[in-house]
Amino acid sequence: MTGKLDIDHLRQWIGRSAEATDIVTSQLVKGLRATLFQDVGEPKAGDAAPFTVHWCLAQPVFPMSMLGPDGHPTRGGFLPPVPLPRRMWAGGEIEFLQPLRVGDESTRTSRIADVQVKSGSTGTLSFVSVEHSISSPRGVVIRERQDIVYREMTTTATAKAPPPPPKAQHRETHVSDPVLLFRYSALTFNGHRIHYDRDYVTQVEGYPGLIFHGPLQAALIVEMAAKLHGGKAPKKFSYRGLQPLFEGTEFSINANETDAGMELWTANAEGQPTMKGTAVW
């Protein structure tokens, strides 16, 4: 598989751009609030949506005939055709300028910023960085960089678990059940089978269970950070995935105040961090 990875060819995708438009509906806001363990309420025109609602908007739609075996669209369109089978959201950075609101027409402009190849403990890795600008009728509301990682299909042990974090000053716990994962897949029109197809994720990709979405962990972290700061989103939120979080276990969302802002993370039932982030206001 590694021999087929032509980095010079893949880097030709750098600079490629795309644009998509969608509307923030009351129904979408209700569904996302419910999935983020918030009061659902009856959102009205002009009400602020959850801070990461843009991840639910204007998602690419392809016919079934154009989907690959993992449920993602066949590669080689906007994203480069990286010939490594496992794909995950590795992390990124978000700059929150103002909230999206119910009734807003939102436009996302996206650009491939970088393509890199590295070697890790699990083999060859390819990182694709995508820059997004999200606008509403009031102007640009969010600037973002997303880092996507592609990995080899390997049966070797995953990377060593990160050390336990310090004791959390603020902590919430929930259960990562399959219904929660299905709801988020539906809200984001995410066909990736690792989140809902247990036979596929265990028998083909070799994981012990369904995998919790990286963006869902990040969304829960952002909402907790905002709640601890009077409902105000951070000016900048940076995050990265550390290890997969699986279905059927309790997980926690954690936060500590720092001199610069907040240190935040999600952790599995054993207390091992699965995603880590920092937020500044």
Protein backbone atom coordinates (compact mmCIF):
# COMPACT_ATOMS: atom_id res chain seq x y z
CA MET A 1 0.00 0.00 0.00
CA THR A 2 2.82 2.40 0.89
CA GLY A 3 4.45 1.91 -2.51
CA LYS A 4 1.33 3.24 -4.20
CA LEU A 5 1.41 6.50 -2.29
CA ASP A 6 2.66 9.16 -4.71
CA ILE A 7 3.05 12.28 -2.58
CA ASP A 8 3.89 14.49 -5.57
CA HIS A 9 0.61 13.47 -7.20
CA LEU A 10 -1.39 13.99 -3.99
CA ARG A 11 0.08 17.43 -3.41
CA GLN A 12 -1.36 18.55 -6.73
CA TRP A 13 -4.66 18.85 -4.80
CA ILE A 14 -3.24 21.71 -2.69
CA GLY A 15 -5.16 24.87 -3.53
CA ARG A 16 -8.24 23.05 -4.80
CA SER A 17 -11.39 24.78 -3.52
CA ALA A 18 -15.11 24.17 -3.18
CA GLU A 19 -18.16 26.09 -1.99
CA ALA A 20 -21.49 24.94 -0.57
CA THR A 21 -24.56 26.65 0.89
CA ASP A 22 -27.20 25.52 3.37
CA ILE A 23 -29.77 26.94 5.79
CA VAL A 24 -29.76 26.64 9.59
CA THR A 25 -33.20 25.24 10.32
CA SER A 26 -35.06 25.00 13.61
CA GLN A 27 -35.32 21.21 13.16
CA LEU A 28 -31.55 20.88 12.72
CA VAL A 29 -30.91 22.95 15.85
CA LYS A 30 -33.35 20.82 17.86
CA GLY A 31 -31.67 17.61 16.72
CA LEU A 32 -28.18 18.88 17.47
CA ARG A 33 -29.17 20.21 20.89
CA ALA A 34 -30.63 16.82 21.77
CA THR A 35 -27.49 15.01 20.62
CA LEU A 36 -25.26 17.37 22.64
CA PHE A 37 -27.26 16.70 25.83
CA GLN A 38 -28.79 20.19 25.83
CA ASP A 39 -32.35 21.37 26.41
CA VAL A 40 -34.12 20.94 23.08
CA GLY A 41 -36.63 23.78 23.44
CA GLU A 42 -38.39 25.37 20.47
CA PRO A 43 -35.71 27.35 18.61
CA LYS A 44 -37.06 30.34 16.74
CA ALA A 45 -35.68 32.45 13.90
CA GLY A 46 -32.70 34.43 15.16
CA ASP A 47 -31.88 32.08 18.05
CA ALA A 48 -28.23 31.06 18.27
CA ALA A 49 -27.46 27.51 17.15
CA PRO A 50 -24.93 25.23 18.90
CA PHE A 51 -21.44 26.51 18.14
CA THR A 52 -20.42 23.65 15.84
CA VAL A 53 -23.66 23.49 13.86
CA HIS A 54 -21.61 24.23 10.71
CA TRP A 55 -20.41 20.61 10.76
CA CYS A 56 -24.01 19.61 9.99
CA LEU A 57 -24.46 22.01 7.08
CA ALA A 58 -24.02 21.51 3.33
CA GLN A 59 -22.43 18.09 3.64
CA PRO A 60 -21.51 16.46 0.30
CA VAL A 61 -24.23 14.23 -1.15
CA PHE A 62 -23.27 11.41 -3.52
CA PRO A 63 -25.36 8.61 -5.06
CA MET A 64 -24.92 5.17 -3.54
CA SER A 65 -23.00 4.07 -6.64
CA MET A 66 -20.24 6.56 -5.80
CA LEU A 67 -19.59 5.37 -2.25
CA GLY A 68 -16.54 3.33 -1.31
CA PRO A 69 -16.52 0.20 0.90
CA ASP A 70 -16.10 2.30 4.06
CA GLY A 71 -19.21 4.38 3.32
CA HIS A 72 -17.26 7.48 2.30
CA PRO A 73 -17.48 8.87 -1.23
CA THR A 74 -15.03 7.37 -3.70
CA ARG A 75 -11.77 9.28 -3.38
CA GLY A 76 -10.32 11.73 -5.86
CA GLY A 77 -12.88 14.54 -5.91
CA PHE A 78 -12.30 17.54 -3.68
CA LEU A 79 -10.11 15.52 -1.31
CA PRO A 80 -6.96 13.88 -2.76
CA PRO A 81 -7.16 10.12 -3.50
CA VAL A 82 -4.93 8.97 -0.63
CA PRO A 83 -4.51 5.17 -1.09
CA LEU A 84 -4.62 4.33 2.62
CA PRO A 85 -7.83 2.65 3.81
CA ARG A 86 -8.40 4.04 7.31
CA ARG A 87 -9.58 7.64 7.50
CA MET A 88 -10.23 9.71 10.63
CA TRP A 89 -10.55 13.29 11.76
CA ALA A 90 -7.22 13.96 13.51
CA GLY A 91 -7.85 17.45 14.90
CA GLY A 92 -7.84 21.08 13.90
CA GLU A 93 -8.40 24.65 15.00
CA ILE A 94 -11.54 26.80 15.02
CA GLU A 95 -11.85 30.55 15.30
CA PHE A 96 -15.34 31.54 16.46
CA LEU A 97 -16.23 35.08 15.35
CA GLN A 98 -20.01 35.04 15.92
CA PRO A 99 -22.73 32.38 16.15
CA LEU A 100 -24.82 31.00 13.34
CA ARG A 101 -28.54 31.54 13.96
CA VAL A 102 -31.78 29.83 13.05
CA GLY A 103 -32.81 31.00 9.59
CA ASP A 104 -29.29 31.91 8.45
CA GLU A 105 -28.18 30.97 4.97
CA SER A 106 -24.65 29.73 5.51
CA THR A 107 -21.92 29.40 2.88
CA ARG A 108 -18.82 27.29 3.42
CA THR A 109 -15.74 27.98 1.27
CA SER A 110 -13.14 25.21 1.52
CA ARG A 111 -9.55 24.89 0.33
CA ILE A 112 -6.99 22.08 0.48
CA ALA A 113 -4.14 23.69 2.42
CA ASP A 114 -1.57 20.90 2.70
CA VAL A 115 -0.89 17.19 2.11
CA GLN A 116 1.87 15.40 4.02
CA VAL A 117 3.12 11.86 4.53
CA LYS A 118 4.67 10.67 7.80
CA SER A 119 5.63 7.41 9.50
CA GLY A 120 4.11 6.50 12.86
CA SER A 121 3.91 3.57 15.24
CA THR A 122 1.03 2.15 13.17
CA GLY A 123 2.76 2.58 9.80
CA THR A 124 2.45 5.15 7.04
CA LEU A 125 0.23 8.17 7.72
CA SER A 126 -1.01 10.83 5.35
CA PHE A 127 -2.35 14.13 6.70
CA VAL A 128 -4.63 16.37 4.65
CA SER A 129 -5.32 19.87 6.01
CA VAL A 130 -8.45 21.67 4.83
CA GLU A 131 -9.21 25.32 5.52
CA HIS A 132 -12.83 26.48 5.77
CA SER A 133 -14.47 29.88 5.97
CA ILE A 134 -18.11 29.89 7.10
CA SER A 135 -20.23 32.95 6.39
CA SER A 136 -23.76 34.11 7.18
CA PRO A 137 -25.71 37.21 6.08
CA ARG A 138 -23.70 39.06 8.77
CA GLY A 139 -20.32 38.11 7.26
CA VAL A 140 -17.71 35.51 8.20
CA VAL A 141 -18.71 33.70 11.39
CA ILE A 142 -16.13 30.87 11.62
CA ARG A 143 -12.66 30.18 10.29
CA GLU A 144 -11.40 26.65 10.62
CA ARG A 145 -8.65 24.20 9.79
CA GLN A 146 -9.44 20.49 9.76
CA ASP A 147 -6.74 17.83 9.78
CA ILE A 148 -7.72 14.46 8.29
CA VAL A 149 -5.45 11.44 8.79
CA TYR A 150 -5.29 8.37 6.55
CA ARG A 151 -3.69 5.18 7.91
CA GLU A 152 -2.75 1.71 6.77
CA MET A 153 -5.00 -1.24 7.62
CA THR A 154 -2.83 -2.96 10.20
CA THR A 155 -3.43 -5.58 12.87
CA THR A 156 -0.54 -4.34 14.99
CA ALA A 157 -1.20 -2.70 18.32
CA THR A 158 -2.25 0.93 18.26
CA ALA A 159 -0.06 3.66 19.66
CA LYS A 160 0.63 3.64 23.38
CA ALA A 161 -2.12 5.27 25.39
CA PRO A 162 -1.30 8.82 26.51
CA PRO A 163 -0.57 9.40 30.20
CA PRO A 164 -3.52 10.28 32.42
CA PRO A 165 -4.35 14.00 32.62
CA PRO A 166 -4.44 16.01 35.84
CA LYS A 167 -7.55 15.92 37.98
CA ALA A 168 -10.33 17.90 36.31
CA GLN A 169 -11.77 21.00 37.93
CA HIS A 170 -14.95 20.57 35.85
CA ARG A 171 -16.31 17.22 34.65
CA GLU A 172 -19.42 15.80 32.96
CA THR A 173 -20.08 12.15 32.18
CA HIS A 174 -22.27 10.48 29.55
CA VAL A 175 -22.53 7.09 27.83
CA SER A 176 -21.37 6.58 24.24
CA ASP A 177 -24.24 4.35 23.15
CA PRO A 178 -24.95 3.42 19.49
CA VAL A 179 -28.04 5.66 19.33
CA LEU A 180 -25.93 8.72 20.14
CA LEU A 181 -23.44 7.80 17.40
CA PHE A 182 -26.22 7.13 14.88
CA ARG A 183 -27.88 10.45 15.62
CA TYR A 184 -24.67 12.38 14.99
CA SER A 185 -23.99 10.44 11.78
CA ALA A 186 -27.49 11.35 10.62
CA LEU A 187 -27.15 15.04 11.54
CA THR A 188 -23.86 15.30 9.63
CA PHE A 189 -24.90 12.97 6.76
CA ASN A 190 -21.81 10.92 7.57
CA GLY A 191 -21.87 7.51 5.91
CA HIS A 192 -18.59 6.33 7.46
CA ARG A 193 -19.39 2.78 8.57
CA ILE A 194 -17.03 2.80 11.57
CA HIS A 195 -19.68 4.77 13.47
CA TYR A 196 -22.74 2.52 12.97
CA ASP A 197 -21.80 -0.81 11.30
CA ARG A 198 -20.40 -3.07 14.03
CA ASP A 199 -19.65 -5.98 11.68
CA TYR A 200 -17.66 -3.70 9.39
CA VAL A 201 -15.68 -1.89 12.08
CA THR A 202 -14.75 -5.09 13.96
CA GLN A 203 -14.29 -7.56 11.10
CA VAL A 204 -12.85 -5.30 8.37
CA GLU A 205 -11.06 -2.51 10.21
CA GLY A 206 -10.23 -4.56 13.29
CA TYR A 207 -11.47 -2.22 16.01
CA PRO A 208 -13.20 -3.58 19.15
CA GLY A 209 -16.42 -1.63 18.57
CA LEU A 210 -18.14 1.35 17.00
CA ILE A 211 -16.02 4.50 17.07
CA PHE A 212 -17.19 7.78 18.59
CA HIS A 213 -16.96 10.65 16.11
CA GLY A 214 -14.05 13.03 16.58
CA PRO A 215 -16.20 16.07 15.71
CA LEU A 216 -18.81 15.03 18.27
CA GLN A 217 -16.16 14.93 20.99
CA ALA A 218 -14.91 18.35 19.87
CA ALA A 219 -18.47 19.73 19.81
CA LEU A 220 -19.10 18.57 23.38
CA ILE A 221 -15.80 20.11 24.52
CA VAL A 222 -16.64 23.47 22.89
CA GLU A 223 -20.09 23.58 24.46
CA MET A 224 -18.66 22.80 27.91
CA ALA A 225 -16.02 25.52 27.50
CA ALA A 226 -18.70 28.04 26.53
CA LYS A 227 -20.96 27.03 29.41
CA LEU A 228 -18.10 27.66 31.86
CA HIS A 229 -17.61 31.13 30.33
CA GLY A 230 -21.14 32.48 30.55
CA GLY A 231 -22.27 30.97 27.25
CA LYS A 232 -19.53 32.64 25.20
CA ALA A 233 -17.61 30.53 22.70
CA PRO A 234 -13.81 30.75 22.79
CA LYS A 235 -12.16 33.00 20.27
CA LYS A 236 -9.93 30.09 19.30
CA PHE A 237 -10.20 26.37 19.99
CA SER A 238 -7.42 23.95 19.02
CA TYR A 239 -7.78 20.20 19.41
CA ARG A 240 -6.33 16.83 18.38
CA GLY A 241 -7.41 13.23 18.71
CA LEU A 242 -5.25 11.01 20.92
CA GLN A 243 -6.89 7.58 20.62
CA PRO A 244 -10.29 6.19 19.62
CA LEU A 245 -13.25 6.33 21.97
CA PHE A 246 -15.55 3.34 21.59
CA GLU A 247 -19.25 2.66 22.04
CA GLY A 248 -20.88 1.26 25.13
CA THR A 249 -18.71 2.92 27.75
CA GLU A 250 -19.00 5.93 29.99
CA PHE A 251 -16.96 8.88 28.82
CA SER A 252 -16.23 12.24 30.37
CA ILE A 253 -15.79 15.83 29.23
CA ASN A 254 -13.22 17.63 31.37
CA ALA A 255 -11.89 21.16 31.84
CA ASN A 256 -9.24 22.98 33.84
CA GLU A 257 -8.74 26.72 34.03
CA THR A 258 -5.29 27.93 32.92
CA ASP A 259 -3.58 31.31 32.82
CA ALA A 260 -4.18 31.45 29.06
CA GLY A 261 -7.74 30.07 28.99
CA MET A 262 -8.83 26.48 29.43
CA GLU A 263 -7.38 23.01 28.95
CA LEU A 264 -10.09 20.55 27.91
CA TRP A 265 -10.28 16.86 27.09
CA THR A 266 -12.54 13.87 26.68
CA ALA A 267 -11.64 10.60 28.38
CA ASN A 268 -12.81 6.99 28.29
CA ALA A 269 -14.11 4.99 31.24
CA GLU A 270 -10.53 4.25 32.37
CA GLY A 271 -9.76 7.96 32.51
CA GLN A 272 -7.43 7.88 29.51
CA PRO A 273 -7.78 11.03 27.38
CA THR A 274 -9.14 10.46 23.87
CA MET A 275 -9.15 14.06 22.62
CA LYS A 276 -7.34 17.09 23.99
CA GLY A 277 -7.98 20.76 23.31
CA THR A 278 -7.18 24.29 24.42
CA ALA A 279 -9.49 27.28 24.36
CA VAL A 280 -8.73 30.97 24.67
CA TRP A 281 -11.06 33.95 24.98
